[in-house]
C-alpha cells in the first residue's frame, strides 16, 4: 500500500496553527497513520451493508404533550431581581 501524501505546512495553514519542527514530525506521523488506516478500511467489502447515520438506533424519549397548569405570572416573577408591569427587567446588551 502506498504511503498517503499530504503537506503538513499546508494543513497547519488551513487549521491556522503554528507548529514547531518537532510538532510537525509528530503530527505528520499521526496523520499518516490515520490516512493509512482509512485506506485499509477502503479495502472492506461493504456492498451488503445498509448505509446508516448512527451505529445504533436513535430513539428520542419524550413525554406526550399534555395541557396542564403552568406558573402564574406572580410565581414566575417571585425571585426576579428586577421586574415591572409583569415582566422581567434585564440589562441592555445591545451596544
N, C-alpha and C. Protein backbone atom coordinates (compact mmCIF):
# COMPACT_ATOMS: atom_id res chain seq x y z
N UNK A 1 0.85 -1.17 0.00
CA UNK A 1 0.00 0.00 0.00
C UNK A 1 0.90 1.23 0.00
N UNK A 2 0.56 2.21 -0.84
CA UNK A 2 1.35 3.42 -0.94
C UNK A 2 1.13 4.31 0.28
N UNK A 3 2.18 5.00 0.68
CA UNK A 3 2.10 5.92 1.81
C UNK A 3 1.23 7.12 1.43
N UNK A 4 0.21 7.46 2.22
CA UNK A 4 -0.62 8.62 1.91
C UNK A 4 0.23 9.89 1.92
N UNK A 5 -0.02 10.78 0.97
CA UNK A 5 0.76 12.00 0.86
C UNK A 5 -0.08 13.20 1.28
N UNK A 6 0.51 14.11 2.04
CA UNK A 6 -0.12 15.36 2.42
C UNK A 6 0.97 16.35 2.77
N UNK A 7 0.64 17.62 2.72
CA UNK A 7 1.59 18.67 3.02
C UNK A 7 1.24 19.22 4.40
N UNK A 8 2.09 18.92 5.39
CA UNK A 8 1.81 19.32 6.77
C UNK A 8 1.79 20.83 6.92
N UNK A 9 2.62 21.55 6.16
CA UNK A 9 2.65 23.01 6.25
C UNK A 9 1.32 23.59 5.75
N UNK A 10 0.80 23.03 4.66
CA UNK A 10 -0.47 23.49 4.10
C UNK A 10 -1.62 23.18 5.08
N UNK A 11 -1.62 22.00 5.66
CA UNK A 11 -2.66 21.64 6.62
C UNK A 11 -2.61 22.54 7.86
N UNK A 12 -1.42 22.84 8.34
CA UNK A 12 -1.29 23.73 9.50
C UNK A 12 -1.80 25.13 9.16
N UNK A 13 -1.51 25.58 7.93
CA UNK A 13 -2.01 26.88 7.49
C UNK A 13 -3.54 26.89 7.45
N UNK A 14 -4.14 25.85 6.90
CA UNK A 14 -5.61 25.76 6.85
C UNK A 14 -6.21 25.74 8.25
N UNK A 15 -5.54 25.07 9.18
CA UNK A 15 -6.04 24.95 10.55
C UNK A 15 -5.69 26.18 11.39
N UNK A 16 -4.93 27.09 10.81
CA UNK A 16 -4.50 28.32 11.48
C UNK A 16 -3.74 28.01 12.77
N UNK A 17 -2.81 27.05 12.67
CA UNK A 17 -1.98 26.71 13.83
C UNK A 17 -0.51 26.80 13.43
N UNK A 18 0.30 27.19 14.38
CA UNK A 18 1.75 27.23 14.18
C UNK A 18 2.34 25.98 14.82
N UNK A 19 3.18 25.30 14.06
CA UNK A 19 3.79 24.06 14.56
C UNK A 19 5.30 24.21 14.64
N UNK A 20 5.88 23.68 15.70
CA UNK A 20 7.34 23.60 15.80
C UNK A 20 7.78 22.43 14.92
N UNK A 21 9.05 22.37 14.56
CA UNK A 21 9.53 21.23 13.77
C UNK A 21 9.24 19.88 14.43
N UNK A 22 9.36 19.81 15.77
CA UNK A 22 9.05 18.55 16.47
C UNK A 22 7.56 18.20 16.34
N UNK A 23 6.70 19.23 16.46
CA UNK A 23 5.27 19.00 16.31
C UNK A 23 4.92 18.59 14.89
N UNK A 24 5.60 19.18 13.91
CA UNK A 24 5.36 18.79 12.51
C UNK A 24 5.68 17.33 12.29
N UNK A 25 6.81 16.90 12.84
CA UNK A 25 7.21 15.49 12.68
C UNK A 25 6.20 14.56 13.34
N UNK A 26 5.82 14.90 14.58
CA UNK A 26 4.88 14.05 15.32
C UNK A 26 3.52 14.03 14.63
N UNK A 27 3.01 15.21 14.23
CA UNK A 27 1.71 15.29 13.60
C UNK A 27 1.71 14.60 12.24
N UNK A 28 2.80 14.73 11.50
CA UNK A 28 2.90 14.06 10.19
C UNK A 28 2.77 12.55 10.36
N UNK A 29 3.47 12.01 11.36
CA UNK A 29 3.40 10.56 11.60
C UNK A 29 1.98 10.16 11.99
N UNK A 30 1.34 10.94 12.87
CA UNK A 30 -0.01 10.61 13.32
C UNK A 30 -1.01 10.69 12.18
N UNK A 31 -0.94 11.75 11.38
CA UNK A 31 -1.85 11.88 10.24
C UNK A 31 -1.60 10.78 9.21
N UNK A 32 -0.34 10.43 9.01
CA UNK A 32 -0.01 9.33 8.10
C UNK A 32 -0.65 8.03 8.55
N UNK A 33 -0.59 7.78 9.86
CA UNK A 33 -1.21 6.57 10.41
C UNK A 33 -2.73 6.58 10.22
N UNK A 34 -3.34 7.74 10.45
CA UNK A 34 -4.79 7.86 10.29
C UNK A 34 -5.18 7.62 8.84
N UNK A 35 -4.48 8.28 7.91
CA UNK A 35 -4.79 8.11 6.49
C UNK A 35 -4.53 6.69 6.03
N UNK A 36 -3.49 6.06 6.56
CA UNK A 36 -3.22 4.67 6.23
C UNK A 36 -4.33 3.75 6.69
N UNK A 37 -4.87 4.03 7.89
CA UNK A 37 -5.98 3.25 8.42
C UNK A 37 -7.22 3.43 7.55
N UNK A 38 -7.46 4.65 7.10
CA UNK A 38 -8.62 4.91 6.24
C UNK A 38 -8.46 4.14 4.93
N UNK A 39 -7.27 4.12 4.37
CA UNK A 39 -7.02 3.35 3.15
C UNK A 39 -7.29 1.87 3.39
N UNK A 40 -6.90 1.39 4.56
CA UNK A 40 -7.15 -0.02 4.90
C UNK A 40 -8.66 -0.28 4.98
N UNK A 41 -9.42 0.66 5.56
CA UNK A 41 -10.87 0.50 5.65
C UNK A 41 -11.53 0.47 4.27
N UNK A 42 -10.94 1.18 3.31
CA UNK A 42 -11.50 1.20 1.95
C UNK A 42 -11.44 -0.16 1.28
N UNK A 43 -10.61 -1.07 1.80
CA UNK A 43 -10.49 -2.41 1.24
C UNK A 43 -11.67 -3.31 1.63
N UNK A 44 -12.44 -2.91 2.63
CA UNK A 44 -13.55 -3.74 3.10
C UNK A 44 -14.68 -3.78 2.07
N UNK A 45 -15.30 -4.94 1.95
CA UNK A 45 -16.46 -5.09 1.08
C UNK A 45 -17.70 -4.73 1.89
N UNK A 46 -18.30 -3.60 1.56
CA UNK A 46 -19.47 -3.14 2.28
C UNK A 46 -20.70 -3.09 1.37
N UNK A 47 -20.66 -3.86 0.30
CA UNK A 47 -21.76 -3.82 -0.66
C UNK A 47 -23.08 -4.30 -0.06
N UNK A 48 -23.04 -5.17 0.95
CA UNK A 48 -24.26 -5.68 1.57
C UNK A 48 -24.59 -4.98 2.89
N UNK A 49 -23.92 -3.87 3.17
CA UNK A 49 -24.15 -3.15 4.41
C UNK A 49 -25.03 -1.95 4.11
N UNK A 50 -26.14 -1.86 4.81
CA UNK A 50 -27.07 -0.75 4.60
C UNK A 50 -26.48 0.53 5.20
N UNK A 51 -26.49 1.63 4.45
CA UNK A 51 -25.98 2.89 4.99
C UNK A 51 -26.79 3.34 6.20
N UNK A 52 -26.11 3.87 7.20
CA UNK A 52 -26.79 4.36 8.39
C UNK A 52 -26.17 5.68 8.81
N UNK A 53 -26.93 6.48 9.54
CA UNK A 53 -26.41 7.72 10.08
C UNK A 53 -25.81 7.48 11.47
N UNK A 54 -26.27 6.44 12.16
CA UNK A 54 -25.79 6.12 13.50
C UNK A 54 -25.56 4.62 13.61
N UNK A 55 -24.61 4.26 14.45
CA UNK A 55 -24.29 2.84 14.63
C UNK A 55 -25.38 2.10 15.37
N UNK A 56 -26.11 2.81 16.22
CA UNK A 56 -27.20 2.20 16.97
C UNK A 56 -28.47 2.99 16.70
N UNK A 57 -29.63 2.38 16.81
CA UNK A 57 -30.87 3.11 16.57
C UNK A 57 -31.00 4.30 17.54
N UNK A 58 -31.39 5.42 17.00
CA UNK A 58 -31.59 6.61 17.82
C UNK A 58 -33.07 6.74 18.15
N UNK A 59 -33.39 6.74 19.43
CA UNK A 59 -34.76 6.85 19.87
C UNK A 59 -34.86 8.06 20.80
N UNK A 60 -35.74 8.97 20.47
CA UNK A 60 -35.94 10.15 21.30
C UNK A 60 -37.05 9.84 22.30
N UNK A 61 -36.67 9.82 23.56
CA UNK A 61 -37.64 9.52 24.60
C UNK A 61 -38.24 10.84 25.06
N UNK A 62 -39.51 11.03 24.76
CA UNK A 62 -40.19 12.25 25.17
C UNK A 62 -41.52 11.90 25.83
N UNK A 63 -42.01 12.81 26.58
CA UNK A 63 -43.32 12.62 27.18
C UNK A 63 -44.36 13.14 26.21
N UNK A 64 -45.56 12.64 26.26
CA UNK A 64 -46.61 13.16 25.37
C UNK A 64 -46.96 14.60 25.77
N UNK A 65 -47.30 15.41 24.78
CA UNK A 65 -47.73 16.78 25.05
C UNK A 65 -49.09 16.74 25.73
N UNK A 66 -49.16 17.40 26.86
CA UNK A 66 -50.41 17.46 27.60
C UNK A 66 -50.60 18.88 28.10
N UNK A 67 -51.79 19.39 27.97
CA UNK A 67 -52.11 20.70 28.52
C UNK A 67 -52.19 20.55 30.03
N UNK A 68 -51.47 21.39 30.74
CA UNK A 68 -51.53 21.36 32.19
C UNK A 68 -51.31 22.77 32.74
N UNK A 69 -51.58 22.93 33.99
CA UNK A 69 -51.46 24.23 34.62
C UNK A 69 -50.00 24.66 34.66
N UNK A 70 -49.76 25.95 34.38
CA UNK A 70 -48.39 26.46 34.42
C UNK A 70 -48.25 27.46 35.57
N UNK A 71 -47.07 28.02 35.71
CA UNK A 71 -46.83 29.00 36.76
C UNK A 71 -47.64 30.26 36.50
N UNK A 72 -48.09 30.85 37.56
CA UNK A 72 -48.73 32.15 37.42
C UNK A 72 -47.65 33.19 37.21
N UNK A 73 -48.04 34.34 36.70
CA UNK A 73 -47.08 35.42 36.48
C UNK A 73 -46.39 35.80 37.79
N UNK A 74 -47.15 35.86 38.86
CA UNK A 74 -46.58 36.22 40.17
C UNK A 74 -45.54 35.19 40.63
N UNK A 75 -45.85 33.90 40.44
CA UNK A 75 -44.90 32.85 40.84
C UNK A 75 -43.63 32.92 40.00
N UNK A 76 -43.78 33.15 38.70
CA UNK A 76 -42.61 33.21 37.82
C UNK A 76 -41.71 34.39 38.17
N UNK A 77 -42.30 35.49 38.58
CA UNK A 77 -41.53 36.70 38.89
C UNK A 77 -41.13 36.81 40.36
N UNK A 78 -41.52 35.84 41.17
CA UNK A 78 -41.30 35.92 42.61
C UNK A 78 -39.85 36.20 42.99
N UNK A 79 -38.87 35.54 42.38
CA UNK A 79 -37.46 35.72 42.74
C UNK A 79 -36.69 36.59 41.73
N UNK A 80 -37.39 37.26 40.85
CA UNK A 80 -36.72 38.10 39.86
C UNK A 80 -36.05 39.27 40.55
N UNK A 81 -34.79 39.56 40.22
CA UNK A 81 -34.11 40.69 40.85
C UNK A 81 -34.73 42.03 40.44
N UNK A 82 -35.28 42.10 39.23
CA UNK A 82 -35.93 43.34 38.78
C UNK A 82 -37.14 42.96 37.93
N UNK A 83 -38.26 43.66 38.18
CA UNK A 83 -39.48 43.37 37.43
C UNK A 83 -40.32 44.64 37.35
N UNK A 84 -41.14 44.70 36.30
CA UNK A 84 -42.05 45.83 36.14
C UNK A 84 -43.17 45.43 35.21
N UNK A 85 -44.39 45.78 35.54
CA UNK A 85 -45.56 45.51 34.71
C UNK A 85 -45.69 44.04 34.32
N UNK A 86 -45.35 43.14 35.23
CA UNK A 86 -45.48 41.72 34.96
C UNK A 86 -44.40 41.16 34.06
N UNK A 87 -43.25 41.87 33.90
CA UNK A 87 -42.16 41.43 33.03
C UNK A 87 -40.84 41.43 33.79
N UNK A 88 -39.90 40.59 33.34
CA UNK A 88 -38.55 40.62 33.87
C UNK A 88 -37.82 41.84 33.32
N UNK A 89 -37.06 42.52 34.12
CA UNK A 89 -36.22 43.62 33.67
C UNK A 89 -34.79 43.07 33.61
N UNK A 90 -34.17 43.18 32.42
CA UNK A 90 -32.82 42.66 32.20
C UNK A 90 -31.92 43.79 31.71
N UNK A 91 -30.61 43.65 31.89
CA UNK A 91 -29.69 44.69 31.42
C UNK A 91 -29.70 44.77 29.89
N UNK A 92 -29.50 45.97 29.39
CA UNK A 92 -29.40 46.18 27.94
C UNK A 92 -28.09 45.57 27.46
N UNK A 93 -28.14 44.74 26.39
CA UNK A 93 -26.91 44.11 25.90
C UNK A 93 -26.55 44.57 24.50
N UNK A 94 -27.42 45.36 23.85
CA UNK A 94 -27.13 45.86 22.51
C UNK A 94 -26.37 47.16 22.64
N UNK A 95 -25.26 47.25 21.94
CA UNK A 95 -24.47 48.49 22.01
C UNK A 95 -24.85 49.44 20.92
